[in-house]
Amino acid sequence: MEEAREYLAALPRFLTNCRSFLAKTGPGLITGAADDDPSGISTYAIAGATARYSMLWLAPLTTVMMIVVQGMCARIGLVTGMGLAEALRKNFPFPLAAALGIMTIGANTLNLGADLAGMAASIRLLVGGPPLLWVVVFGVACYVAPVYLNYRTFVNVVKVLALSLGAYVVAMFAIHPPWLEVLASTLIPRVHLDRTWLTTVVAVLGTTITPYLFYWQASLMVEEDKAQGKVTLTQRRGATKKEVADANADVTLGMIVSNAIMFCIIVTTATTLSRTGHASIQSAQDAAEALRPLAGDFAYVLFAAGMVGTGLLAIPTLAGSSAFVFAETFKVRGASLAATPDRAPRFYGVFGAGIAIGIAFNVFHVDPIGALFWSAVVNGVAAVPLLVVITLLANRRSLMQRWTNSRAANVWAILTIVLMAGAAIGMFF
């Protein structure tokens, strides 16, 4: 009883510290949390179920890669005062910038539709009902939230939703995996040169190092500046050493959190589903079973909470990324999350169209888990050319001033491009 009183007495301080921590975090944490969307959860679960622990070595590797890649995008937004699409349009031939933008919008729309399907399938485990009804409900909710909440409120809501990912951390420790095997698989890379394994690697890389987050990261840096009153490009251009350091710290935290969740999901599904005899994941029910050792009969509740929570976080990110790409590529004025729909009708029109197409995508009764997995594969292929131009952009001194890539950042950027391109080529050939 005395211990319980001590815990209760410490609770207000704990909550205050949490609020203080969340207040200091920004675009990096939001981007990292959005990376673990329903597509990511499903892809990591499939990787654990089919390849067991053989892909765990990707977690520390992609952590560094994501820190470098998202760090480049954050610096581009911070130093230039422009979103990534606008920077590409102004520094590369327009056909190239437009092609990359359209490719990203297409991948985003496929991913968005798949995420809605995954959310609907997970909530049906709890309350039933027609999948299309839930798709429409979630689609409308994901449109209304960022449109009718102000930017700062939207950011705070997103941060709270990101906490739902903590269930997978608890689950991993609750099931007592074979830690020596987990450690060996994390430190010693194992590669299988068969199409199924390589396709899963492309999906894991594609849902981790994903195109929409490149654009989203840079655009959020611009949105942060606008929220501080820097409304013109001249006011936003340039960055202090402290601003760059803060952005790097924020990105590093977000990417570590994102990849830690990836690691936990793979370990949890590999351990649990192998014990129950599952060799693959064919449905939301199969994926939910991974949480049964932790939650028992509440496994479906926990799984649905994670899928819906991350979906509500990811879908506005996907739709917002597409809207920013369109607006910056085709010179649409007034594009901002802080603007109201009547002041930025074309920006919010693209935002709403992305969600509407995602809803329509589900009319065809797609397989939710399969759609989530293959949308990750598409992202893995689409990321390669975009990474090339981002790396070139981040090394352009006339644009980035003294904040061009370091030699180490360039090495990691090239390694990322080679790994993702190599996996994609191996998958096809």
Protein backbone atom coordinates (compact mmCIF):
# COMPACT_ATOMS: atom_id res chain seq x y z
CA MET A 1 0.00 0.00 0.00
CA GLU A 2 2.86 2.37 0.85
CA GLU A 3 4.48 1.68 -2.54
CA ALA A 4 1.18 2.41 -4.28
CA ARG A 5 0.99 5.79 -2.50
CA GLU A 6 4.55 6.59 -3.62
CA TYR A 7 3.68 5.75 -7.22
CA LEU A 8 0.57 7.93 -7.07
CA ALA A 9 2.54 10.78 -5.53
CA ALA A 10 5.10 10.56 -8.35
CA LEU A 11 2.47 10.42 -11.09
CA PRO A 12 1.94 14.21 -11.49
CA ARG A 13 5.70 14.75 -11.88
CA PHE A 14 5.89 11.91 -14.42
CA LEU A 15 3.04 13.40 -16.47
CA THR A 16 4.65 16.84 -16.32
CA ASN A 17 7.93 15.40 -17.58
CA CYS A 18 6.10 13.62 -20.42
CA ARG A 19 4.36 16.84 -21.45
CA SER A 20 7.68 18.70 -21.30
CA PHE A 21 9.37 16.02 -23.43
CA LEU A 22 6.62 16.00 -26.05
CA ALA A 23 6.62 19.81 -26.19
CA LYS A 24 10.32 19.81 -27.08
CA THR A 25 9.98 17.25 -29.87
CA GLY A 26 8.94 18.24 -33.33
CA PRO A 27 8.87 17.10 -36.97
CA GLY A 28 11.46 14.34 -36.44
CA LEU A 29 9.39 12.46 -33.86
CA ILE A 30 6.20 12.95 -35.89
CA THR A 31 7.91 11.63 -39.02
CA GLY A 32 9.37 8.66 -37.16
CA ALA A 33 6.02 7.74 -35.64
CA ALA A 34 4.25 8.12 -38.99
CA ASP A 35 6.77 5.69 -40.46
CA ASP A 36 5.31 2.90 -38.30
CA ASP A 37 1.92 3.07 -40.03
CA PRO A 38 -0.40 0.09 -40.67
CA SER A 39 1.69 -0.73 -43.75
CA GLY A 40 4.82 -0.79 -41.61
CA ILE A 41 3.24 -2.86 -38.84
CA SER A 42 1.96 -5.43 -41.35
CA THR A 43 5.22 -5.59 -43.29
CA TYR A 44 7.32 -6.06 -40.15
CA ALA A 45 4.88 -8.72 -38.93
CA ILE A 46 5.14 -10.56 -42.25
CA ALA A 47 8.94 -10.31 -42.08
CA GLY A 48 8.96 -11.84 -38.60
CA ALA A 49 6.48 -14.57 -39.49
CA THR A 50 8.16 -15.64 -42.75
CA ALA A 51 11.84 -14.90 -42.17
CA ARG A 52 11.92 -15.15 -38.37
CA TYR A 53 14.93 -13.24 -37.02
CA SER A 54 16.95 -13.13 -40.25
CA MET A 55 16.08 -9.48 -40.99
CA LEU A 56 16.81 -8.06 -37.54
CA TRP A 57 20.21 -6.78 -38.73
CA LEU A 58 18.31 -4.31 -40.91
CA ALA A 59 17.04 -2.45 -37.82
CA PRO A 60 20.34 -0.88 -36.67
CA LEU A 61 21.43 -0.40 -40.29
CA THR A 62 18.26 1.41 -41.35
CA THR A 63 18.33 3.49 -38.17
CA VAL A 64 21.55 5.17 -39.30
CA MET A 65 20.29 5.37 -42.89
CA MET A 66 17.06 7.04 -41.82
CA ILE A 67 18.89 9.51 -39.58
CA VAL A 68 21.06 10.51 -42.54
CA VAL A 69 18.25 10.64 -45.13
CA GLN A 70 15.67 12.40 -42.97
CA GLY A 71 18.44 14.66 -41.66
CA MET A 72 19.18 15.74 -45.24
CA CYS A 73 15.51 16.48 -45.84
CA ALA A 74 15.21 18.40 -42.56
CA ARG A 75 18.25 20.52 -43.39
CA ILE A 76 16.96 21.24 -46.89
CA GLY A 77 13.71 22.57 -45.44
CA LEU A 78 15.41 24.43 -42.61
CA VAL A 79 18.22 26.07 -44.60
CA THR A 80 16.38 26.87 -47.84
CA GLY A 81 13.03 27.75 -46.29
CA MET A 82 11.41 25.59 -48.98
CA GLY A 83 9.77 22.19 -49.04
CA LEU A 84 11.58 19.40 -50.86
CA ALA A 85 9.38 19.52 -53.97
CA GLU A 86 9.93 23.27 -54.38
CA ALA A 87 13.68 22.84 -53.92
CA LEU A 88 13.71 20.11 -56.57
CA ARG A 89 11.68 22.26 -58.98
CA LYS A 90 14.07 25.19 -58.61
CA ASN A 91 17.29 23.19 -58.89
CA PHE A 92 16.53 20.42 -61.39
CA PRO A 93 14.71 20.29 -64.74
CA PHE A 94 10.97 20.62 -64.21
CA PRO A 95 10.11 17.31 -65.97
CA LEU A 96 12.33 15.46 -63.48
CA ALA A 97 10.85 17.22 -60.45
CA ALA A 98 7.31 16.66 -61.76
CA ALA A 99 7.96 12.98 -62.52
CA LEU A 100 9.34 12.36 -59.03
CA GLY A 101 6.42 14.26 -57.50
CA ILE A 102 3.77 12.37 -59.47
CA MET A 103 5.46 9.05 -58.67
CA THR A 104 5.40 9.91 -54.96
CA ILE A 105 1.75 11.01 -55.05
CA GLY A 106 0.83 7.70 -56.74
CA ALA A 107 2.74 5.67 -54.15
CA ASN A 108 1.18 7.75 -51.36
CA THR A 109 -2.35 7.12 -52.66
CA LEU A 110 -1.76 3.35 -52.88
CA ASN A 111 -0.28 3.37 -49.38
CA LEU A 112 -3.18 5.45 -48.05
CA GLY A 113 -5.79 3.07 -49.47
CA ALA A 114 -3.94 0.10 -48.03
CA ASP A 115 -3.72 1.77 -44.60
CA LEU A 116 -7.47 2.40 -44.60
CA ALA A 117 -8.06 -1.26 -45.49
CA GLY A 118 -5.78 -2.36 -42.64
CA MET A 119 -7.52 -0.11 -40.13
CA ALA A 120 -10.95 -1.38 -41.21
CA ALA A 121 -9.84 -5.02 -40.98
CA SER A 122 -8.42 -4.51 -37.48
CA ILE A 123 -11.48 -2.72 -36.07
CA ARG A 124 -13.74 -5.43 -37.51
CA LEU A 125 -12.01 -7.91 -35.20
CA LEU A 126 -13.65 -6.05 -32.32
CA VAL A 127 -17.04 -4.80 -33.47
CA GLY A 128 -17.71 -6.34 -36.88
CA GLY A 129 -19.54 -4.39 -39.55
CA PRO A 130 -18.92 -3.95 -43.30
CA PRO A 131 -15.28 -3.04 -44.10
CA LEU A 132 -16.25 -0.23 -46.48
CA LEU A 133 -18.23 1.52 -43.73
CA TRP A 134 -15.15 1.64 -41.50
CA VAL A 135 -12.99 2.77 -44.40
CA VAL A 136 -15.34 5.74 -44.95
CA VAL A 137 -15.49 6.55 -41.22
CA PHE A 138 -11.70 6.56 -40.86
CA GLY A 139 -11.22 8.43 -44.14
CA VAL A 140 -13.58 11.23 -43.07
CA ALA A 141 -11.96 11.42 -39.61
CA CYS A 142 -8.48 11.70 -41.16
CA TYR A 143 -9.66 14.56 -43.37
CA VAL A 144 -11.50 16.49 -40.70
CA ALA A 145 -8.76 16.36 -38.03
CA PRO A 146 -5.95 18.28 -39.77
CA VAL A 147 -8.36 20.54 -41.68
CA TYR A 148 -10.36 21.80 -38.72
CA LEU A 149 -7.73 21.63 -35.98
CA ASN A 150 -5.12 24.35 -35.93
CA TYR A 151 -1.56 23.27 -36.76
CA ARG A 152 -0.26 23.20 -33.19
CA THR A 153 -3.25 21.19 -31.92
CA PHE A 154 -2.86 18.73 -34.79
CA VAL A 155 0.82 18.24 -33.94
CA ASN A 156 0.02 17.58 -30.27
CA VAL A 157 -2.71 15.06 -31.17
CA VAL A 158 -0.29 13.26 -33.49
CA LYS A 159 2.29 12.98 -30.71
CA VAL A 160 -0.23 11.39 -28.35
CA LEU A 161 -1.34 8.86 -31.01
CA ALA A 162 2.30 7.86 -31.46
CA LEU A 163 2.29 6.49 -27.90
CA SER A 164 0.12 3.55 -29.06
CA LEU A 165 3.24 2.04 -30.62
CA GLY A 166 4.59 1.34 -27.12
CA ALA A 167 2.43 -1.80 -26.95
CA TYR A 168 4.92 -3.63 -29.17
CA VAL A 169 7.82 -2.80 -26.88
CA VAL A 170 5.96 -4.27 -23.91
CA ALA A 171 4.92 -7.29 -25.97
CA MET A 172 8.50 -8.14 -26.96
CA PHE A 173 9.70 -8.34 -23.37
CA ALA A 174 6.56 -10.14 -22.22
CA ILE A 175 7.05 -13.14 -24.55
CA HIS A 176 10.68 -13.86 -23.52
CA PRO A 177 12.23 -14.44 -26.96
CA PRO A 178 15.51 -16.41 -27.35
CA TRP A 179 17.73 -13.41 -26.66
CA LEU A 180 21.00 -15.01 -27.80
CA GLU A 181 19.49 -15.82 -31.20
CA VAL A 182 17.96 -12.34 -31.39
CA LEU A 183 21.33 -10.74 -30.58
CA ALA A 184 23.21 -12.89 -33.10
CA SER A 185 20.69 -12.08 -35.84
CA THR A 186 20.95 -8.36 -35.03
CA LEU A 187 24.74 -8.25 -35.18
CA ILE A 188 25.47 -10.79 -37.93
CA PRO A 189 23.76 -10.14 -41.30
CA ARG A 190 22.17 -13.13 -42.99
CA VAL A 191 21.19 -12.87 -46.64
CA HIS A 192 18.99 -15.32 -48.56
CA LEU A 193 19.12 -14.97 -52.34
CA ASP A 194 15.58 -16.06 -53.10
CA ARG A 195 12.82 -13.87 -54.50
CA THR A 196 10.46 -14.13 -51.50
CA TRP A 197 13.14 -13.09 -49.01
CA LEU A 198 14.41 -10.26 -51.22
CA THR A 199 10.86 -9.02 -51.88
CA THR A 200 10.29 -8.85 -48.14
CA VAL A 201 13.56 -6.92 -47.73
CA VAL A 202 12.40 -4.41 -50.37
CA ALA A 203 9.11 -4.08 -48.49
CA VAL A 204 10.87 -3.57 -45.14
CA LEU A 205 13.20 -0.96 -46.64
CA GLY A 206 10.32 0.68 -48.51
CA THR A 207 8.11 1.03 -45.47
CA THR A 208 11.07 2.30 -43.41
CA ILE A 209 12.91 4.59 -45.85
CA THR A 210 9.82 5.80 -47.66
CA PRO A 211 9.32 8.63 -50.20
CA TYR A 212 6.40 10.44 -48.57
CA LEU A 213 8.43 11.00 -45.41
CA PHE A 214 11.18 12.75 -47.39
CA TYR A 215 8.75 15.42 -48.57
CA TRP A 216 6.85 15.50 -45.26
CA GLN A 217 10.00 16.08 -43.19
CA ALA A 218 11.12 19.10 -45.23
CA SER A 219 7.61 20.57 -45.39
CA LEU A 220 7.13 20.25 -41.62
CA MET A 221 10.35 22.20 -41.06
CA VAL A 222 8.85 24.99 -43.18
CA GLU A 223 5.54 24.72 -41.27
CA GLU A 224 7.43 25.09 -37.98
CA ASP A 225 9.04 28.29 -39.27
CA LYS A 226 5.68 29.63 -40.43
CA ALA A 227 4.20 28.88 -37.01
CA GLN A 228 6.95 31.07 -35.53
CA GLY A 229 5.97 33.99 -37.78
CA LYS A 230 8.49 33.47 -40.61
CA VAL A 231 5.95 33.85 -43.40
CA THR A 232 8.25 34.84 -46.29
CA LEU A 233 10.97 32.81 -47.99
CA THR A 234 13.55 35.46 -47.13
CA GLN A 235 12.72 35.23 -43.42
CA ARG A 236 12.99 31.44 -43.45
CA ARG A 237 16.21 31.15 -45.47
CA GLY A 238 19.34 30.21 -43.56
CA ALA A 239 19.84 28.43 -40.24
CA THR A 240 21.91 28.86 -37.11
CA LYS A 241 24.16 26.18 -35.68
CA LYS A 242 21.70 25.65 -32.81
CA GLU A 243 18.73 25.29 -35.17
CA VAL A 244 20.54 22.64 -37.21
CA ALA A 245 21.67 20.84 -34.03
CA ASP A 246 18.11 20.86 -32.65
CA ALA A 247 16.76 19.51 -35.95
CA ASN A 248 19.38 16.75 -36.02
CA ALA A 249 18.59 15.76 -32.44
CA ASP A 250 14.86 15.68 -33.19
CA VAL A 251 15.38 13.57 -36.32
CA THR A 252 17.74 11.20 -34.51
CA LEU A 253 15.21 10.64 -31.73
CA GLY A 254 12.36 10.05 -34.18
CA MET A 255 14.30 7.56 -36.28
CA ILE A 256 15.57 5.62 -33.25
CA VAL A 257 12.01 5.33 -31.94
CA SER A 258 10.72 4.27 -35.36
CA ASN A 259 13.29 1.53 -35.85
CA ALA A 260 13.03 0.32 -32.26
CA ILE A 261 9.34 -0.34 -32.94
CA MET A 262 10.29 -2.15 -36.15
CA PHE A 263 12.71 -4.34 -34.18
CA CYS A 264 10.10 -5.12 -31.51
CA ILE A 265 7.41 -6.08 -34.05
CA ILE A 266 9.72 -8.45 -35.92
CA VAL A 267 10.90 -10.12 -32.71
CA THR A 268 7.36 -10.38 -31.33
CA THR A 269 5.84 -11.94 -34.45
CA ALA A 270 8.82 -14.22 -35.12
CA THR A 271 8.69 -15.58 -31.58
CA THR A 272 4.94 -15.83 -31.12
CA LEU A 273 3.81 -17.10 -34.48
CA SER A 274 6.55 -19.70 -34.71
CA ARG A 275 5.41 -21.10 -31.35
CA THR A 276 1.82 -21.31 -32.55
CA GLY A 277 2.78 -22.90 -35.87
CA HIS A 278 1.96 -19.90 -38.10
CA ALA A 279 4.39 -19.67 -41.03
CA SER A 280 2.77 -16.65 -42.61
CA ILE A 281 0.33 -13.82 -42.00
CA GLN A 282 -2.73 -13.87 -44.22
CA SER A 283 -5.14 -11.71 -42.23
CA ALA A 284 -5.46 -9.13 -39.49
CA GLN A 285 -6.43 -11.97 -37.18
CA ASP A 286 -3.09 -13.70 -37.82
CA ALA A 287 -1.20 -10.49 -37.06
CA ALA A 288 -3.18 -9.90 -33.87
CA GLU A 289 -2.19 -13.34 -32.59
CA ALA A 290 1.35 -12.02 -32.10
CA LEU A 291 0.11 -10.01 -29.12
CA ARG A 292 -1.80 -12.87 -27.47
CA PRO A 293 0.97 -13.84 -24.99
CA LEU A 294 0.88 -10.28 -23.65
CA ALA A 295 -2.82 -9.51 -23.82
CA GLY A 296 -4.56 -12.91 -23.93
CA ASP A 297 -8.15 -12.42 -25.05
CA PHE A 298 -7.45 -8.70 -25.36
CA ALA A 299 -4.90 -9.28 -28.14
CA TYR A 300 -7.35 -8.06 -30.77
CA VAL A 301 -8.03 -4.91 -28.75
CA LEU A 302 -4.33 -4.15 -28.49
CA PHE A 303 -3.71 -4.87 -32.17
CA ALA A 304 -6.67 -2.75 -33.27
CA ALA A 305 -5.54 0.13 -31.05
CA GLY A 306 -2.09 0.06 -32.63
CA MET A 307 -3.37 -0.18 -36.21
CA VAL A 308 -6.04 2.49 -35.79
CA GLY A 309 -3.82 4.81 -33.75
CA THR A 310 -0.96 4.68 -36.24
CA GLY A 311 -3.40 4.90 -39.15
CA LEU A 312 -4.94 8.09 -37.79
CA LEU A 313 -1.39 9.40 -37.58
CA ALA A 314 -0.18 8.16 -40.98
CA ILE A 315 -3.11 8.91 -43.29
CA PRO A 316 -3.07 12.70 -42.74
CA THR A 317 0.70 12.48 -43.20
CA LEU A 318 0.31 10.65 -46.53
CA ALA A 319 -2.42 12.97 -47.79
CA GLY A 320 -0.56 16.03 -46.51
CA SER A 321 2.65 14.89 -48.17
CA SER A 322 0.83 14.54 -51.51
CA ALA A 323 -0.74 17.99 -51.08
CA PHE A 324 2.64 19.59 -50.34
CA VAL A 325 4.27 17.79 -53.30
CA PHE A 326 1.52 18.97 -55.66
CA ALA A 327 1.48 22.54 -54.35
CA GLU A 328 5.26 23.00 -54.37
CA THR A 329 5.78 21.31 -57.74
CA PHE A 330 3.02 23.19 -59.56
CA LYS A 331 3.39 26.55 -57.73
CA VAL A 332 0.14 26.55 -55.79
CA ARG A 333 0.14 29.55 -53.47
CA GLY A 334 -0.92 29.53 -49.83
CA ALA A 335 -0.24 25.83 -49.24
CA SER A 336 0.02 25.31 -45.49
CA LEU A 337 -1.48 23.19 -42.72
CA ALA A 338 -2.02 26.44 -40.85
CA ALA A 339 -4.25 27.80 -43.64
CA THR A 340 -8.00 27.23 -43.74
CA PRO A 341 -9.66 25.42 -46.69
CA ASP A 342 -11.17 28.66 -48.02
CA ARG A 343 -7.69 30.24 -48.16
CA ALA A 344 -5.96 27.19 -49.69
CA PRO A 345 -8.68 25.39 -51.66
CA ARG A 346 -6.38 23.59 -54.11
CA PHE A 347 -4.03 22.41 -51.34
CA TYR A 348 -6.90 20.94 -49.33
CA GLY A 349 -8.52 19.74 -52.54
CA VAL A 350 -5.52 17.50 -53.24
CA PHE A 351 -5.47 16.50 -49.57
CA GLY A 352 -9.12 15.43 -49.74
CA ALA A 353 -8.78 13.82 -53.18
CA GLY A 354 -6.01 11.54 -51.91
CA ILE A 355 -8.24 10.29 -49.11
CA ALA A 356 -11.24 9.95 -51.44
CA ILE A 357 -9.23 7.86 -53.92
CA GLY A 358 -7.95 5.76 -51.02
CA ILE A 359 -11.54 5.10 -49.97
CA ALA A 360 -12.51 4.23 -53.56
CA PHE A 361 -9.56 1.84 -53.74
CA ASN A 362 -11.32 -0.27 -51.10
CA VAL A 363 -14.46 -0.69 -53.20
CA PHE A 364 -12.59 -3.46 -55.02
CA HIS A 365 -12.42 -5.58 -51.83
CA VAL A 366 -8.63 -5.70 -51.67
CA ASP A 367 -6.83 -8.06 -49.33
CA PRO A 368 -5.77 -5.68 -46.50
CA ILE A 369 -2.56 -7.43 -45.45
CA GLY A 370 -1.47 -8.04 -49.04
CA ALA A 371 -2.21 -4.43 -50.02
CA LEU A 372 -0.23 -3.11 -47.05
CA PHE A 373 2.75 -5.32 -47.93
CA TRP A 374 2.79 -4.52 -51.66
CA SER A 375 2.40 -0.78 -51.05
CA ALA A 376 5.63 -1.05 -49.05
CA VAL A 377 7.30 -2.80 -52.00
CA VAL A 378 6.21 0.01 -54.34
CA ASN A 379 7.66 2.57 -51.92
CA GLY A 380 10.93 0.62 -51.79
CA VAL A 381 11.35 0.86 -55.56
CA ALA A 382 10.18 4.49 -55.81
CA ALA A 383 12.57 5.66 -53.09
CA VAL A 384 15.74 4.92 -55.09
CA PRO A 385 15.66 7.72 -57.73
CA LEU A 386 14.38 10.19 -55.17
CA LEU A 387 17.29 9.41 -52.83
CA VAL A 388 19.74 10.15 -55.65
CA VAL A 389 18.40 13.67 -56.28
CA ILE A 390 18.06 14.43 -52.54
CA THR A 391 21.72 13.54 -52.03
CA LEU A 392 22.73 15.78 -54.94
CA LEU A 393 20.57 18.58 -53.54
CA ALA A 394 22.04 18.25 -50.04
CA ASN A 395 25.56 18.66 -51.50
CA ARG A 396 24.81 21.83 -53.51
CA ARG A 397 26.73 24.56 -51.69
CA SER A 398 24.97 27.41 -53.50
CA LEU A 399 21.72 26.18 -51.98
CA MET A 400 22.78 24.67 -48.64
CA GLN A 401 25.49 27.25 -47.77
CA ARG A 402 27.73 25.71 -45.09
CA TRP A 403 25.23 22.96 -44.27
CA THR A 404 26.08 20.56 -47.09
CA ASN A 405 26.52 16.84 -46.36
CA SER A 406 29.54 15.65 -44.45
CA ARG A 407 31.68 12.93 -45.99
CA ALA A 408 30.18 10.36 -43.60
CA ALA A 409 26.64 11.41 -44.54
CA ASN A 410 27.46 10.96 -48.22
CA VAL A 411 28.88 7.49 -47.59
CA TRP A 412 25.71 6.45 -45.77
CA ALA A 413 23.48 8.03 -48.42
CA ILE A 414 25.27 6.10 -51.18
CA LEU A 415 25.11 2.89 -49.13
CA THR A 416 21.36 3.40 -48.72
CA ILE A 417 20.88 3.87 -52.46
CA VAL A 418 22.99 0.82 -53.30
CA LEU A 419 21.23 -1.42 -50.76
CA MET A 420 17.72 -0.42 -51.85
CA ALA A 421 18.55 -0.59 -55.56
CA GLY A 422 20.31 -3.93 -55.13
CA ALA A 423 17.39 -5.47 -53.25
CA ALA A 424 14.93 -4.22 -55.88
CA ILE A 425 17.05 -5.59 -58.74
CA GLY A 426 17.43 -8.92 -56.95
CA MET A 427 13.66 -9.10 -56.43
CA PHE A 428 12.99 -8.69 -60.16
CA PHE A 429 15.86 -10.69 -61.61
